[in-house]
N, C-alpha and C. Protein backbone atom coordinates (compact mmCIF):
# COMPACT_ATOMS: atom_id res chain seq x y z
N MET A 1 1.12 -1.22 0.29
CA MET A 1 -0.18 0.34 -0.14
C MET A 1 0.85 1.10 -0.08
N THR A 2 0.99 1.84 -0.95
CA THR A 2 1.44 3.23 -1.21
C THR A 2 1.04 4.61 0.04
N LYS A 3 1.87 5.32 0.09
CA LYS A 3 1.76 6.83 1.12
C LYS A 3 0.47 7.48 0.61
N ARG A 4 -0.31 7.32 -0.54
CA ARG A 4 -1.07 8.31 -1.13
C ARG A 4 -2.52 7.19 -0.62
N MET A 5 -2.36 6.42 -0.68
CA MET A 5 -3.70 5.72 -0.36
C MET A 5 -4.37 5.85 1.51
N PRO A 6 -3.38 6.43 2.29
CA PRO A 6 -4.70 6.43 3.40
C PRO A 6 -4.53 8.28 3.34
N VAL A 7 -4.08 8.88 2.81
CA VAL A 7 -4.29 10.42 3.07
C VAL A 7 -5.57 10.18 1.95
N GLY A 8 -5.77 9.56 0.85
CA GLY A 8 -7.11 9.47 -0.23
C GLY A 8 -8.21 9.01 1.01
N LEU A 9 -7.87 8.21 1.25
CA LEU A 9 -9.25 7.50 2.34
C LEU A 9 -9.41 8.25 3.43
N PHE A 10 -7.90 9.56 3.77
CA PHE A 10 -9.06 9.98 5.14
C PHE A 10 -10.11 11.65 4.26
N THR A 11 -9.24 11.44 3.25
CA THR A 11 -10.18 12.63 2.28
C THR A 11 -11.25 12.42 2.15
N LEU A 12 -11.21 11.10 2.00
CA LEU A 12 -12.91 10.60 1.45
C LEU A 12 -13.41 10.35 2.80
N ALA A 13 -13.33 10.23 3.73
CA ALA A 13 -14.01 9.67 5.32
C ALA A 13 -14.13 11.65 5.50
N LEU A 14 -13.06 12.49 5.33
CA LEU A 14 -13.55 14.10 5.47
C LEU A 14 -14.89 14.58 5.08
N PHE A 15 -14.70 13.81 3.68
CA PHE A 15 -16.03 14.13 3.03
C PHE A 15 -17.65 13.93 3.35
N PHE A 16 -17.23 12.55 3.71
CA PHE A 16 -18.87 12.05 4.58
C PHE A 16 -19.05 12.86 5.82
N VAL A 17 -18.04 13.62 6.64
CA VAL A 17 -18.46 14.09 7.93
C VAL A 17 -18.68 15.48 7.47
N PHE A 18 -18.19 16.08 6.58
CA PHE A 18 -18.34 17.36 6.32
C PHE A 18 -19.48 17.80 5.20
N GLU A 19 -20.13 16.41 4.47
CA GLU A 19 -21.41 16.17 4.03
C GLU A 19 -22.75 16.54 4.75
N TYR A 20 -22.22 15.03 5.92
CA TYR A 20 -23.15 15.21 6.83
C TYR A 20 -23.58 16.71 7.43
N ILE A 21 -22.66 17.18 7.93
CA ILE A 21 -22.78 18.32 9.03
C ILE A 21 -23.04 19.32 7.94
N GLY A 22 -23.17 19.87 6.70
CA GLY A 22 -23.54 20.58 6.11
C GLY A 22 -24.92 20.63 5.73
N LEU A 23 -25.24 19.09 5.27
CA LEU A 23 -26.40 18.65 4.61
C LEU A 23 -27.59 18.87 6.58
N THR A 24 -26.69 18.80 7.39
CA THR A 24 -27.66 18.78 8.27
C THR A 24 -28.00 20.14 8.62
N LEU A 25 -27.31 21.19 8.56
CA LEU A 25 -27.30 22.64 8.98
C LEU A 25 -28.00 22.79 7.57
N VAL A 26 -28.34 22.81 6.81
CA VAL A 26 -28.98 23.43 5.40
C VAL A 26 -30.52 22.83 5.83
N PHE A 27 -30.18 21.49 5.55
CA PHE A 27 -31.86 20.87 5.90
C PHE A 27 -32.65 21.71 7.39
N GLY A 28 -31.93 21.47 8.22
CA GLY A 28 -32.79 22.19 9.47
C GLY A 28 -33.14 23.19 10.26
N ALA A 29 -32.21 24.37 8.83
CA ALA A 29 -32.75 25.90 8.89
C ALA A 29 -33.51 25.56 7.91
N VAL A 30 -33.61 25.44 6.59
CA VAL A 30 -34.93 25.01 5.68
C VAL A 30 -36.94 24.77 6.49
N ASN A 31 -36.04 23.43 7.19
CA ASN A 31 -37.47 23.57 8.00
C ASN A 31 -37.92 24.75 9.19
N ALA A 32 -37.30 25.41 9.61
CA ALA A 32 -37.55 26.34 10.52
C ALA A 32 -38.86 27.23 9.39
N VAL A 33 -39.89 27.47 10.68
CA VAL A 33 -41.04 28.05 10.32
C VAL A 33 -41.16 29.75 10.32
N ASP A 34 -40.06 30.53 10.83
CA ASP A 34 -39.58 31.53 10.84
C ASP A 34 -38.36 31.37 10.40
N PHE A 35 -38.13 32.54 9.32
CA PHE A 35 -36.65 32.28 8.65
C PHE A 35 -35.97 33.75 8.86
N GLY A 36 -35.27 33.42 9.76
CA GLY A 36 -34.59 35.24 10.00
C GLY A 36 -33.12 34.80 9.47
N VAL A 37 -32.64 35.80 10.65
CA VAL A 37 -30.84 35.33 10.37
C VAL A 37 -29.92 34.28 10.66
N ARG A 38 -30.89 34.18 12.19
CA ARG A 38 -30.18 32.54 12.43
C ARG A 38 -30.28 31.83 11.10
N GLN A 39 -31.07 31.36 10.98
CA GLN A 39 -31.41 30.47 9.76
C GLN A 39 -30.91 31.21 8.61
N TYR A 40 -30.68 31.98 7.89
CA TYR A 40 -29.35 32.50 7.17
C TYR A 40 -27.89 32.32 7.24
N THR A 41 -27.87 32.47 8.99
CA THR A 41 -26.19 32.19 8.63
C THR A 41 -26.02 30.63 8.63
N GLU A 42 -26.95 29.55 9.39
CA GLU A 42 -27.05 28.10 8.90
C GLU A 42 -26.63 27.82 7.88
N VAL A 43 -27.51 28.27 7.05
CA VAL A 43 -27.20 27.98 5.34
C VAL A 43 -26.28 28.19 4.93
N GLY A 44 -25.54 29.84 5.17
CA GLY A 44 -24.57 30.10 4.53
C GLY A 44 -23.37 29.11 5.06
N VAL A 45 -23.08 28.35 6.78
CA VAL A 45 -22.36 28.02 7.11
C VAL A 45 -22.61 26.50 7.00
N GLY A 46 -23.88 26.11 6.54
CA GLY A 46 -24.45 24.49 4.88
C GLY A 46 -23.30 24.66 4.14
N MET A 47 -23.31 25.61 4.11
CA MET A 47 -23.30 25.28 2.40
C MET A 47 -21.65 25.72 2.38
N THR A 48 -21.52 26.41 3.01
CA THR A 48 -19.84 26.61 3.25
C THR A 48 -19.19 24.99 3.16
N PHE A 49 -19.74 24.25 4.23
CA PHE A 49 -19.21 22.71 4.90
C PHE A 49 -19.30 21.86 3.21
N CYS A 50 -20.29 22.02 2.51
CA CYS A 50 -21.36 21.27 1.23
C CYS A 50 -19.56 21.56 0.34
N GLY A 51 -19.91 23.02 -0.09
CA GLY A 51 -18.51 23.30 -0.77
C GLY A 51 -16.78 22.45 -0.40
N LEU A 52 -16.95 22.57 1.03
CA LEU A 52 -15.50 22.13 1.41
C LEU A 52 -15.60 20.23 0.76
N SER A 53 -16.96 19.81 1.22
CA SER A 53 -16.79 18.51 1.38
C SER A 53 -16.78 18.46 -0.63
N ILE A 54 -17.02 19.12 -1.35
CA ILE A 54 -17.09 18.78 -2.92
C ILE A 54 -15.03 18.85 -3.08
N ALA A 55 -14.95 19.41 -2.56
CA ALA A 55 -13.75 20.33 -2.97
C ALA A 55 -12.44 18.84 -2.09
N LEU A 56 -12.95 18.12 -0.93
CA LEU A 56 -12.66 16.98 0.24
C LEU A 56 -12.53 16.16 -1.48
N LEU A 57 -14.00 15.76 -1.52
CA LEU A 57 -14.61 14.56 -2.87
C LEU A 57 -13.05 14.32 -3.87
N ALA A 58 -13.06 15.27 -4.57
CA ALA A 58 -12.33 15.55 -5.93
C ALA A 58 -10.99 15.29 -5.58
N THR A 59 -10.84 16.04 -4.65
CA THR A 59 -9.38 15.30 -4.47
C THR A 59 -9.12 14.19 -3.68
N SER A 60 -9.77 13.41 -3.20
CA SER A 60 -9.62 12.19 -2.66
C SER A 60 -9.51 11.29 -3.99
N LEU A 61 -10.72 11.74 -5.00
CA LEU A 61 -10.27 10.85 -6.32
C LEU A 61 -9.17 11.23 -7.24
N LEU A 62 -8.67 12.75 -6.98
CA LEU A 62 -7.72 12.33 -7.82
C LEU A 62 -6.09 11.80 -7.47
N VAL A 63 -6.20 11.86 -5.89
CA VAL A 63 -5.07 11.07 -5.24
C VAL A 63 -5.29 9.50 -5.28
N PHE A 64 -6.83 9.13 -5.85
CA PHE A 64 -6.79 7.83 -6.17
C PHE A 64 -6.48 6.99 -7.38
N LEU A 65 -6.53 8.37 -8.60
CA LEU A 65 -6.40 8.34 -9.97
C LEU A 65 -5.02 8.23 -9.49
N SER A 66 -3.99 8.90 -9.25
CA SER A 66 -2.76 9.89 -9.10
C SER A 66 -1.89 8.18 -9.56
N SER A 67 -0.60 8.54 -10.15
CA SER A 67 0.31 7.67 -10.89
C SER A 67 0.97 7.25 -9.98
N ASN A 68 1.85 8.33 -9.28
CA ASN A 68 2.88 8.19 -7.97
C ASN A 68 2.13 9.01 -6.85
N ASN A 69 3.47 8.78 -5.90
CA ASN A 69 3.31 9.86 -5.00
C ASN A 69 3.48 11.07 -5.34
N GLN A 70 4.75 11.62 -6.11
CA GLN A 70 5.15 13.32 -6.38
C GLN A 70 3.48 13.64 -6.96
N GLN A 71 3.05 13.32 -7.92
CA GLN A 71 1.74 13.73 -8.54
C GLN A 71 0.57 13.59 -7.73
N ALA A 72 0.05 13.02 -6.65
CA ALA A 72 -0.52 12.62 -5.44
C ALA A 72 -0.25 13.95 -4.46
N CYS A 73 1.06 14.41 -4.17
CA CYS A 73 1.08 15.85 -3.46
C CYS A 73 0.58 16.61 -4.18
N ARG A 74 0.83 16.73 -5.66
CA ARG A 74 0.44 17.90 -6.32
C ARG A 74 -0.53 18.40 -6.26
N TYR A 75 -2.23 17.16 -6.04
CA TYR A 75 -2.77 17.42 -5.91
C TYR A 75 -3.52 17.72 -4.64
N LEU A 76 -2.40 17.69 -3.44
CA LEU A 76 -2.88 18.11 -2.24
C LEU A 76 -1.92 19.65 -1.81
N ARG A 77 -1.99 19.82 -2.58
CA ARG A 77 -1.44 21.42 -2.62
C ARG A 77 -2.38 22.60 -1.87
N TRP A 78 -3.46 22.54 -2.04
CA TRP A 78 -3.67 23.07 -1.48
C TRP A 78 -4.44 23.31 -0.32
N LEU A 79 -3.40 22.20 0.36
CA LEU A 79 -3.92 22.20 2.20
C LEU A 79 -2.60 22.72 2.83
N GLY A 80 -2.14 23.60 2.04
CA GLY A 80 -1.06 24.59 2.85
C GLY A 80 -0.11 23.60 3.65
N LYS A 81 0.34 24.39 4.71
CA LYS A 81 0.90 23.45 5.95
C LYS A 81 -0.04 22.14 6.24
N TRP A 82 -0.63 21.53 6.25
CA TRP A 82 -1.28 20.65 6.69
C TRP A 82 -1.30 19.37 5.96
N LYS A 83 -0.58 19.87 4.39
CA LYS A 83 -0.44 18.69 3.48
C LYS A 83 0.90 17.65 4.18
N PRO A 84 0.61 16.21 3.88
CA PRO A 84 0.64 15.48 4.26
C PRO A 84 2.54 15.63 3.70
N GLY A 85 3.66 14.93 4.82
CA GLY A 85 4.71 15.06 3.24
C GLY A 85 5.36 13.76 2.19
N SER A 86 5.57 14.25 1.71
CA SER A 86 6.06 13.21 0.30
C SER A 86 7.09 12.25 0.42
């Protein structure tokens, strides 16, 4: 098992967690009777989590499809200082 597989599995697991949090916030706010500032904030934060989860899904798929560790590290560049070592 190469070094990129645990990173791909971790980002894929984070996708499911962030998507669950985002959709829970969005649908919880949409089902509210009165739609105020709190609900707009919940929808905004939920959409942010959903957007980040889509980025994590794309990253995990690109890491799985990469042919070597150097190519996988290029796809993880957006993580900045949290990027795992090559």
